Amino acid sequence: MTFRAYLRLLLLLVAVICLTYTGWIYSYAFLHQRSESRAFDRQRALQSVSHGARPFEARLVIPRLELTAMVEEGVDENTLSFAAGHIPYTALPGEIGNVGVAAHRDTLFRKLQGIQKNDRILISTGDNDYTYQVTSTSIVRPGDVFVLANRRGEKTLTLVTCYPFYFIGNAPKRFIVHAQQVTEGVLDTYKQ
């Protein structure tokens, strides 16, 4: 075999390894989302969720975008690899304050690029559903944490993901979705 033949074989092997790894990551994330969603539905049906018994967990649904994501506490890489993360020290759904949720742009929040003003976002917790309406979107620098600030006496939601959506590597900006809570109460219409 010639040098070129060895090089082609090596490059083919590297490509197969990369594709296999990427496929495994996406498959594992999909299976994690599905199993957590089913467990969430079982807990909710049994009404066995007790505040403080488990870390924060919720389901986020944007019906028009057909986006559904389980939300877990924290924004470390382990959490964001398989779920959306509730940003620590931000409000919880239903509380006065700003609920912050982050996820990767190339997995769970890919569809956020199609979000529009007035779209509805539902966050379901173990015992209640909270509907938010999108008020605006913006693009900011990573250090611009003012987007998570509370608005006096309001119940708001901020979704955060990297931007641009199709950037390769560490994206230089953040895509922000701001929403205002409009309803609170148990809904059956968004069950997945």
C-alpha atoms as a PDB file:
ATOM      1  CA  MET A   1       0.000   0.000   0.000  1.00  0.00           C
ATOM      2  CA  THR A   2       1.121   3.499  -0.746  1.00  0.00           C
ATOM      3  CA  PHE A   3       1.308   6.393   1.677  1.00  0.00           C
ATOM      4  CA  ARG A   4      -1.863   7.866   0.154  1.00  0.00           C
ATOM      5  CA  ALA A   5      -3.756   4.622   0.706  1.00  0.00           C
ATOM      6  CA  TYR A   6      -2.679   4.543   4.377  1.00  0.00           C
ATOM      7  CA  LEU A   7      -3.644   8.189   4.764  1.00  0.00           C
ATOM      8  CA  ARG A   8      -7.099   7.575   3.259  1.00  0.00           C
ATOM      9  CA  LEU A   9      -7.613   4.599   5.540  1.00  0.00           C
ATOM     10  CA  LEU A  10      -6.537   6.617   8.574  1.00  0.00           C
ATOM     11  CA  LEU A  11      -8.838   9.521   7.686  1.00  0.00           C
ATOM     12  CA  LEU A  12     -11.732   7.125   7.105  1.00  0.00           C
ATOM     13  CA  LEU A  13     -11.118   5.561  10.512  1.00  0.00           C
ATOM     14  CA  VAL A  14     -11.040   8.987  12.201  1.00  0.00           C
ATOM     15  CA  ALA A  15     -14.307   9.953  10.453  1.00  0.00           C
ATOM     16  CA  VAL A  16     -16.020   6.727  11.549  1.00  0.00           C
ATOM     17  CA  ILE A  17     -14.880   7.260  15.153  1.00  0.00           C
ATOM     18  CA  CYS A  18     -16.101  10.876  15.144  1.00  0.00           C
ATOM     19  CA  LEU A  19     -19.486   9.965  13.671  1.00  0.00           C
ATOM     20  CA  THR A  20     -19.902   7.088  16.108  1.00  0.00           C
ATOM     21  CA  TYR A  21     -19.086   9.317  19.077  1.00  0.00           C
ATOM     22  CA  THR A  22     -21.459  12.051  17.894  1.00  0.00           C
ATOM     23  CA  GLY A  23     -24.213   9.512  17.259  1.00  0.00           C
ATOM     24  CA  TRP A  24     -23.727   8.080  20.738  1.00  0.00           C
ATOM     25  CA  ILE A  25     -23.959  11.536  22.370  1.00  0.00           C
ATOM     26  CA  TYR A  26     -27.159  12.455  20.490  1.00  0.00           C
ATOM     27  CA  SER A  27     -28.692   9.012  21.118  1.00  0.00           C
ATOM     28  CA  TYR A  28     -27.891   9.121  24.821  1.00  0.00           C
ATOM     29  CA  ALA A  29     -29.357  12.632  25.126  1.00  0.00           C
ATOM     30  CA  PHE A  30     -32.530  11.518  23.312  1.00  0.00           C
ATOM     31  CA  LEU A  31     -32.917   8.448  25.537  1.00  0.00           C
ATOM     32  CA  HIS A  32     -32.243  10.522  28.671  1.00  0.00           C
ATOM     33  CA  GLN A  33     -34.906  13.060  27.674  1.00  0.00           C
ATOM     34  CA  ARG A  34     -37.423  10.315  26.925  1.00  0.00           C
ATOM     35  CA  SER A  35     -36.841   8.377  30.152  1.00  0.00           C
ATOM     36  CA  GLU A  36     -36.883  11.524  32.318  1.00  0.00           C
ATOM     37  CA  SER A  37     -40.078  12.694  30.626  1.00  0.00           C
ATOM     38  CA  ARG A  38     -41.788   9.354  31.311  1.00  0.00           C
ATOM     39  CA  ALA A  39     -40.623   9.346  34.936  1.00  0.00           C
ATOM     40  CA  PHE A  40     -41.875  12.935  35.293  1.00  0.00           C
ATOM     41  CA  ASP A  41     -45.292  11.936  33.914  1.00  0.00           C
ATOM     42  CA  ARG A  42     -45.494   8.953  36.304  1.00  0.00           C
ATOM     43  CA  GLN A  43     -44.603  11.105  39.309  1.00  0.00           C
ATOM     44  CA  ARG A  44     -47.068  13.745  38.316  1.00  0.00           C
ATOM     45  CA  ALA A  45     -49.860  11.209  37.715  1.00  0.00           C
ATOM     46  CA  LEU A  46     -49.258   9.730  41.166  1.00  0.00           C
ATOM     47  CA  GLN A  47     -48.979  13.225  42.630  1.00  0.00           C
ATOM     48  CA  SER A  48     -46.032  11.902  44.585  1.00  0.00           C
ATOM     49  CA  VAL A  49     -43.737  14.814  43.905  1.00  0.00           C
ATOM     50  CA  SER A  50     -42.738  16.403  47.164  1.00  0.00           C
ATOM     51  CA  HIS A  51     -41.018  19.780  47.261  1.00  0.00           C
ATOM     52  CA  GLY A  52     -37.459  19.255  48.414  1.00  0.00           C
ATOM     53  CA  ALA A  53     -37.514  15.468  48.058  1.00  0.00           C
ATOM     54  CA  ARG A  54     -35.830  15.717  44.654  1.00  0.00           C
ATOM     55  CA  PRO A  55     -33.800  18.385  42.929  1.00  0.00           C
ATOM     56  CA  PHE A  56     -35.723  20.772  40.694  1.00  0.00           C
ATOM     57  CA  GLU A  57     -37.145  19.097  37.608  1.00  0.00           C
ATOM     58  CA  ALA A  58     -39.612  20.374  35.035  1.00  0.00           C
ATOM     59  CA  ARG A  59     -40.674  19.985  31.429  1.00  0.00           C
ATOM     60  CA  LEU A  60     -40.433  22.922  29.015  1.00  0.00           C
ATOM     61  CA  VAL A  61     -42.672  22.854  25.931  1.00  0.00           C
ATOM     62  CA  ILE A  62     -42.929  25.345  23.074  1.00  0.00           C
ATOM     63  CA  PRO A  63     -45.872  23.922  21.093  1.00  0.00           C
ATOM     64  CA  ARG A  64     -45.473  25.972  17.895  1.00  0.00           C
ATOM     65  CA  LEU A  65     -41.824  24.922  17.557  1.00  0.00           C
ATOM     66  CA  GLU A  66     -42.549  21.338  18.631  1.00  0.00           C
ATOM     67  CA  LEU A  67     -39.774  21.763  21.196  1.00  0.00           C
ATOM     68  CA  THR A  68     -39.910  19.685  24.380  1.00  0.00           C
ATOM     69  CA  ALA A  69     -37.071  19.512  26.897  1.00  0.00           C
ATOM     70  CA  MET A  70     -36.688  18.240  30.408  1.00  0.00           C
ATOM     71  CA  VAL A  71     -35.185  20.858  32.716  1.00  0.00           C
ATOM     72  CA  GLU A  72     -32.876  19.852  35.546  1.00  0.00           C
ATOM     73  CA  GLU A  73     -31.157  21.950  38.194  1.00  0.00           C
ATOM     74  CA  GLY A  74     -27.796  23.465  37.228  1.00  0.00           C
ATOM     75  CA  VAL A  75     -25.892  24.505  34.139  1.00  0.00           C
ATOM     76  CA  ASP A  76     -22.760  22.391  34.435  1.00  0.00           C
ATOM     77  CA  GLU A  77     -21.621  20.448  31.374  1.00  0.00           C
ATOM     78  CA  ASN A  78     -22.947  17.172  32.778  1.00  0.00           C
ATOM     79  CA  THR A  79     -26.475  18.610  33.029  1.00  0.00           C
ATOM     80  CA  LEU A  80     -26.430  20.498  29.723  1.00  0.00           C
ATOM     81  CA  SER A  81     -25.177  17.449  27.819  1.00  0.00           C
ATOM     82  CA  PHE A  82     -28.535  15.735  28.308  1.00  0.00           C
ATOM     83  CA  ALA A  83     -31.078  18.313  29.512  1.00  0.00           C
ATOM     84  CA  ALA A  84     -31.865  21.987  29.748  1.00  0.00           C
ATOM     85  CA  GLY A  85     -30.612  23.527  32.971  1.00  0.00           C
ATOM     86  CA  HIS A  86     -32.320  25.778  35.499  1.00  0.00           C
ATOM     87  CA  ILE A  87     -29.851  28.582  36.116  1.00  0.00           C
ATOM     88  CA  PRO A  88     -28.957  28.602  39.838  1.00  0.00           C
ATOM     89  CA  TYR A  89     -30.124  31.540  41.938  1.00  0.00           C
ATOM     90  CA  THR A  90     -32.885  32.449  39.503  1.00  0.00           C
ATOM     91  CA  ALA A  91     -36.546  32.123  40.478  1.00  0.00           C
ATOM     92  CA  LEU A  92     -38.508  28.902  40.187  1.00  0.00           C
ATOM     93  CA  PRO A  93     -41.662  28.752  38.051  1.00  0.00           C
ATOM     94  CA  GLY A  94     -44.571  30.460  39.789  1.00  0.00           C
ATOM     95  CA  GLU A  95     -42.364  32.643  41.983  1.00  0.00           C
ATOM     96  CA  ILE A  96     -42.038  36.371  41.538  1.00  0.00           C
ATOM     97  CA  GLY A  97     -38.769  36.854  39.706  1.00  0.00           C
ATOM     98  CA  ASN A  98     -37.012  35.665  36.573  1.00  0.00           C
ATOM     99  CA  VAL A  99     -36.766  31.925  35.847  1.00  0.00           C
ATOM    100  CA  GLY A 100     -33.558  31.269  33.904  1.00  0.00           C
ATOM    101  CA  VAL A 101     -33.208  28.178  31.691  1.00  0.00           C
ATOM    102  CA  ALA A 102     -30.200  27.372  29.477  1.00  0.00           C
ATOM    103  CA  ALA A 103     -29.486  24.625  26.935  1.00  0.00           C
ATOM    104  CA  HIS A 104     -27.119  23.947  24.063  1.00  0.00           C
ATOM    105  CA  ARG A 105     -27.961  25.477  20.689  1.00  0.00           C
ATOM    106  CA  ASP A 106     -26.907  22.379  18.777  1.00  0.00           C
ATOM    107  CA  THR A 107     -29.198  20.003  20.691  1.00  0.00           C
ATOM    108  CA  LEU A 108     -32.277  20.881  22.746  1.00  0.00           C
ATOM    109  CA  PHE A 109     -32.540  24.594  21.905  1.00  0.00           C
ATOM    110  CA  ARG A 110     -31.783  24.321  18.164  1.00  0.00           C
ATOM    111  CA  LYS A 111     -35.406  25.186  17.342  1.00  0.00           C
ATOM    112  CA  LEU A 112     -35.245  28.438  19.327  1.00  0.00           C
ATOM    113  CA  GLN A 113     -33.980  30.125  16.183  1.00  0.00           C
ATOM    114  CA  GLY A 114     -37.617  30.071  14.990  1.00  0.00           C
ATOM    115  CA  ILE A 115     -39.160  31.599  18.124  1.00  0.00           C
ATOM    116  CA  GLN A 116     -41.438  34.598  17.625  1.00  0.00           C
ATOM    117  CA  LYS A 117     -43.022  37.258  19.778  1.00  0.00           C
ATOM    118  CA  ASN A 118     -46.254  35.999  21.426  1.00  0.00           C
ATOM    119  CA  ASP A 119     -45.254  32.308  21.177  1.00  0.00           C
ATOM    120  CA  ARG A 120     -46.373  30.332  24.228  1.00  0.00           C
ATOM    121  CA  ILE A 121     -43.935  28.466  26.469  1.00  0.00           C
ATOM    122  CA  LEU A 122     -45.209  25.991  29.046  1.00  0.00           C
ATOM    123  CA  ILE A 123     -43.178  24.910  32.044  1.00  0.00           C
ATOM    124  CA  SER A 124     -44.664  21.974  33.930  1.00  0.00           C
ATOM    125  CA  THR A 125     -43.404  21.199  37.411  1.00  0.00           C
ATOM    126  CA  GLY A 126     -44.423  18.282  39.595  1.00  0.00           C
ATOM    127  CA  ASP A 127     -47.609  19.976  40.722  1.00  0.00           C
ATOM    128  CA  ASN A 128     -48.413  22.853  38.381  1.00  0.00           C
ATOM    129  CA  ASP A 129     -48.196  24.284  34.869  1.00  0.00           C
ATOM    130  CA  TYR A 130     -47.023  27.801  34.073  1.00  0.00           C
ATOM    131  CA  THR A 131     -47.653  29.405  30.704  1.00  0.00           C
ATOM    132  CA  TYR A 132     -45.414  32.213  29.491  1.00  0.00           C
ATOM    133  CA  GLN A 133     -45.751  34.421  26.426  1.00  0.00           C
ATOM    134  CA  VAL A 134     -42.648  35.545  24.524  1.00  0.00           C
ATOM    135  CA  THR A 135     -42.180  39.304  24.734  1.00  0.00           C
ATOM    136  CA  SER A 136     -38.830  39.706  22.962  1.00  0.00           C
ATOM    137  CA  THR A 137     -35.564  38.146  21.850  1.00  0.00           C
ATOM    138  CA  SER A 138     -32.073  39.593  21.909  1.00  0.00           C
ATOM    139  CA  ILE A 139     -28.457  38.745  21.209  1.00  0.00           C
ATOM    140  CA  VAL A 140     -25.922  39.601  23.908  1.00  0.00           C
ATOM    141  CA  ARG A 141     -22.338  38.921  24.944  1.00  0.00           C
ATOM    142  CA  PRO A 142     -21.696  35.955  27.280  1.00  0.00           C
ATOM    143  CA  GLY A 143     -20.956  38.248  30.224  1.00  0.00           C
ATOM    144  CA  ASP A 144     -24.203  40.219  29.915  1.00  0.00           C
ATOM    145  CA  VAL A 145     -25.939  38.624  32.900  1.00  0.00           C
ATOM    146  CA  PHE A 146     -28.309  41.571  33.257  1.00  0.00           C
ATOM    147  CA  VAL A 147     -30.718  39.561  31.077  1.00  0.00           C
ATOM    148  CA  LEU A 148     -31.385  37.393  34.169  1.00  0.00           C
ATOM    149  CA  ALA A 149     -32.305  40.341  36.391  1.00  0.00           C
ATOM    150  CA  ASN A 150     -35.686  40.352  38.098  1.00  0.00           C
ATOM    151  CA  ARG A 151     -38.322  42.817  36.997  1.00  0.00           C
ATOM    152  CA  ARG A 152     -40.011  44.340  39.995  1.00  0.00           C
ATOM    153  CA  GLY A 153     -43.021  42.240  41.005  1.00  0.00           C
ATOM    154  CA  GLU A 154     -43.173  40.299  37.705  1.00  0.00           C
ATOM    155  CA  LYS A 155     -43.028  36.584  36.931  1.00  0.00           C
ATOM    156  CA  THR A 156     -40.766  36.192  33.904  1.00  0.00           C
ATOM    157  CA  LEU A 157     -38.803  33.532  32.047  1.00  0.00           C
ATOM    158  CA  THR A 158     -35.489  33.880  30.223  1.00  0.00           C
ATOM    159  CA  LEU A 159     -34.177  31.183  27.875  1.00  0.00           C
ATOM    160  CA  VAL A 160     -30.452  31.293  27.080  1.00  0.00           C
ATOM    161  CA  THR A 161     -28.466  29.514  24.377  1.00  0.00           C
ATOM    162  CA  CYS A 162     -25.331  30.165  22.367  1.00  0.00           C
ATOM    163  CA  TYR A 163     -25.408  32.185  19.149  1.00  0.00           C
ATOM    164  CA  PRO A 164     -25.031  31.981  16.145  1.00  0.00           C
ATOM    165  CA  PHE A 165     -26.894  28.686  15.953  1.00  0.00           C
ATOM    166  CA  TYR A 166     -24.663  27.143  13.278  1.00  0.00           C
ATOM    167  CA  PHE A 167     -21.335  28.418  14.602  1.00  0.00           C
ATOM    168  CA  ILE A 168     -18.610  25.782  14.875  1.00  0.00           C
ATOM    169  CA  GLY A 169     -16.822  25.857  18.216  1.00  0.00           C
ATOM    170  CA  ASN A 170     -17.447  28.141  21.165  1.00  0.00           C
ATOM    171  CA  ALA A 171     -20.037  30.663  20.022  1.00  0.00           C
ATOM    172  CA  PRO A 172     -19.174  34.301  20.722  1.00  0.00           C
ATOM    173  CA  LYS A 173     -22.679  35.471  21.712  1.00  0.00           C
ATOM    174  CA  ARG A 174     -25.865  34.373  23.474  1.00  0.00           C
ATOM    175  CA  PHE A 175     -29.405  34.216  22.105  1.00  0.00           C
ATOM    176  CA  ILE A 176     -31.946  35.323  24.709  1.00  0.00           C
ATOM    177  CA  VAL A 177     -35.710  34.769  24.807  1.00  0.00           C
ATOM    178  CA  HIS A 178     -37.715  36.868  27.279  1.00  0.00           C
ATOM    179  CA  ALA A 179     -41.235  35.804  28.283  1.00  0.00           C
ATOM    180  CA  GLN A 180     -43.890  36.925  30.758  1.00  0.00           C
ATOM    181  CA  GLN A 181     -46.018  34.502  32.801  1.00  0.00           C
ATOM    182  CA  VAL A 182     -49.651  34.695  31.678  1.00  0.00           C
ATOM    183  CA  THR A 183     -51.354  31.725  33.390  1.00  0.00           C
ATOM    184  CA  GLU A 184     -50.821  29.281  36.204  1.00  0.00           C
ATOM    185  CA  GLY A 185     -52.699  26.051  36.831  1.00  0.00           C
ATOM    186  CA  VAL A 186     -52.755  22.381  35.942  1.00  0.00           C
ATOM    187  CA  LEU A 187     -53.270  21.845  32.199  1.00  0.00           C
ATOM    188  CA  ASP A 188     -53.685  18.513  30.443  1.00  0.00           C
ATOM    189  CA  THR A 189     -53.393  19.881  26.923  1.00  0.00           C
ATOM    190  CA  TYR A 190     -49.585  19.873  26.797  1.00  0.00           C
ATOM    191  CA  LYS A 191     -48.960  16.311  28.006  1.00  0.00           C
ATOM    192  CA  GLN A 192     -46.325  14.613  25.952  1.00  0.00           C
END
